[in-house]
Every structure is written in C-alpha cells, then in structure tokens.
C-alpha cells in the first residue's frame, strides 16, 4: 500500500512540474548568426 501511495505522490509531483514548466513557456532567445566552427579529425 505504501508503494502505491509513493507512486501516486511521485506522479502528482511530476505532473505539477510539467504543468509549471509549460505555464512558464519557452525561454526567449535567438540563435547566433555565426556558424558553429568544428574540425573533423583526419582519417588515417
């Protein structure tokens, strides 16, 4: 019985966290105009 209560509590907390994050919305930001510079290792 304790396991069922613990599972229900965890599910309720997870749902509350998801609803809180979705209520806040996505952070406003913008991408960098510069391209990402990466190097490819030389093949042997």
C-alpha atoms as a PDB file:
ATOM      1  CA  UNK A   1       0.000   0.000   0.000  1.00  0.00           C
ATOM      2  CA  UNK A   2       2.882   2.347   0.767  1.00  0.00           C
ATOM      3  CA  UNK A   3       4.316   1.749  -2.694  1.00  0.00           C
ATOM      4  CA  UNK A   4       1.024   2.743  -4.300  1.00  0.00           C
ATOM      5  CA  UNK A   5       0.895   5.962  -2.275  1.00  0.00           C
ATOM      6  CA  UNK A   6       4.519   6.727  -3.142  1.00  0.00           C
ATOM      7  CA  UNK A   7       3.855   6.126  -6.841  1.00  0.00           C
ATOM      8  CA  UNK A   8       0.771   8.348  -6.794  1.00  0.00           C
ATOM      9  CA  UNK A   9       2.680  11.093  -4.977  1.00  0.00           C
ATOM     10  CA  UNK A  10       5.548  10.914  -7.467  1.00  0.00           C
ATOM     11  CA  UNK A  11       3.156  11.039 -10.388  1.00  0.00           C
ATOM     12  CA  UNK A  12       1.369  14.058  -8.935  1.00  0.00           C
ATOM     13  CA  UNK A  13       4.674  15.879  -8.379  1.00  0.00           C
ATOM     14  CA  UNK A  14       5.860  15.090 -11.901  1.00  0.00           C
ATOM     15  CA  UNK A  15       2.590  16.342 -13.360  1.00  0.00           C
ATOM     16  CA  UNK A  16       2.802  19.528 -11.296  1.00  0.00           C
ATOM     17  CA  UNK A  17       6.362  20.091 -12.519  1.00  0.00           C
ATOM     18  CA  UNK A  18       5.368  19.626 -16.164  1.00  0.00           C
ATOM     19  CA  UNK A  19       2.426  21.986 -15.805  1.00  0.00           C
ATOM     20  CA  UNK A  20       4.622  24.597 -14.108  1.00  0.00           C
ATOM     21  CA  UNK A  21       7.256  24.438 -16.835  1.00  0.00           C
ATOM     22  CA  UNK A  22       4.670  24.607 -19.610  1.00  0.00           C
ATOM     23  CA  UNK A  23       2.966  27.571 -17.916  1.00  0.00           C
ATOM     24  CA  UNK A  24       6.257  29.478 -17.870  1.00  0.00           C
ATOM     25  CA  UNK A  25       6.678  28.932 -21.598  1.00  0.00           C
ATOM     26  CA  UNK A  26       9.775  28.594 -23.699  1.00  0.00           C
ATOM     27  CA  UNK A  27      12.639  30.940 -22.916  1.00  0.00           C
ATOM     28  CA  UNK A  28      13.052  33.790 -25.349  1.00  0.00           C
ATOM     29  CA  UNK A  29      16.338  33.663 -27.138  1.00  0.00           C
ATOM     30  CA  UNK A  30      17.925  33.867 -30.515  1.00  0.00           C
ATOM     31  CA  UNK A  31      20.454  31.840 -32.371  1.00  0.00           C
ATOM     32  CA  UNK A  32      23.933  33.071 -33.062  1.00  0.00           C
ATOM     33  CA  UNK A  33      24.494  34.459 -36.556  1.00  0.00           C
ATOM     34  CA  UNK A  34      27.965  32.894 -36.609  1.00  0.00           C
ATOM     35  CA  UNK A  35      28.216  29.301 -37.833  1.00  0.00           C
ATOM     36  CA  UNK A  36      29.488  26.681 -35.430  1.00  0.00           C
ATOM     37  CA  UNK A  37      33.124  26.050 -36.309  1.00  0.00           C
ATOM     38  CA  UNK A  38      34.083  22.421 -35.916  1.00  0.00           C
ATOM     39  CA  UNK A  39      37.027  20.415 -37.119  1.00  0.00           C
ATOM     40  CA  UNK A  40      36.858  16.895 -38.480  1.00  0.00           C
ATOM     41  CA  UNK A  41      39.730  14.627 -37.426  1.00  0.00           C
ATOM     42  CA  UNK A  42      41.935  13.416 -40.250  1.00  0.00           C
ATOM     43  CA  UNK A  43      41.348   9.857 -41.362  1.00  0.00           C
ATOM     44  CA  UNK A  44      44.369   7.569 -41.158  1.00  0.00           C
END
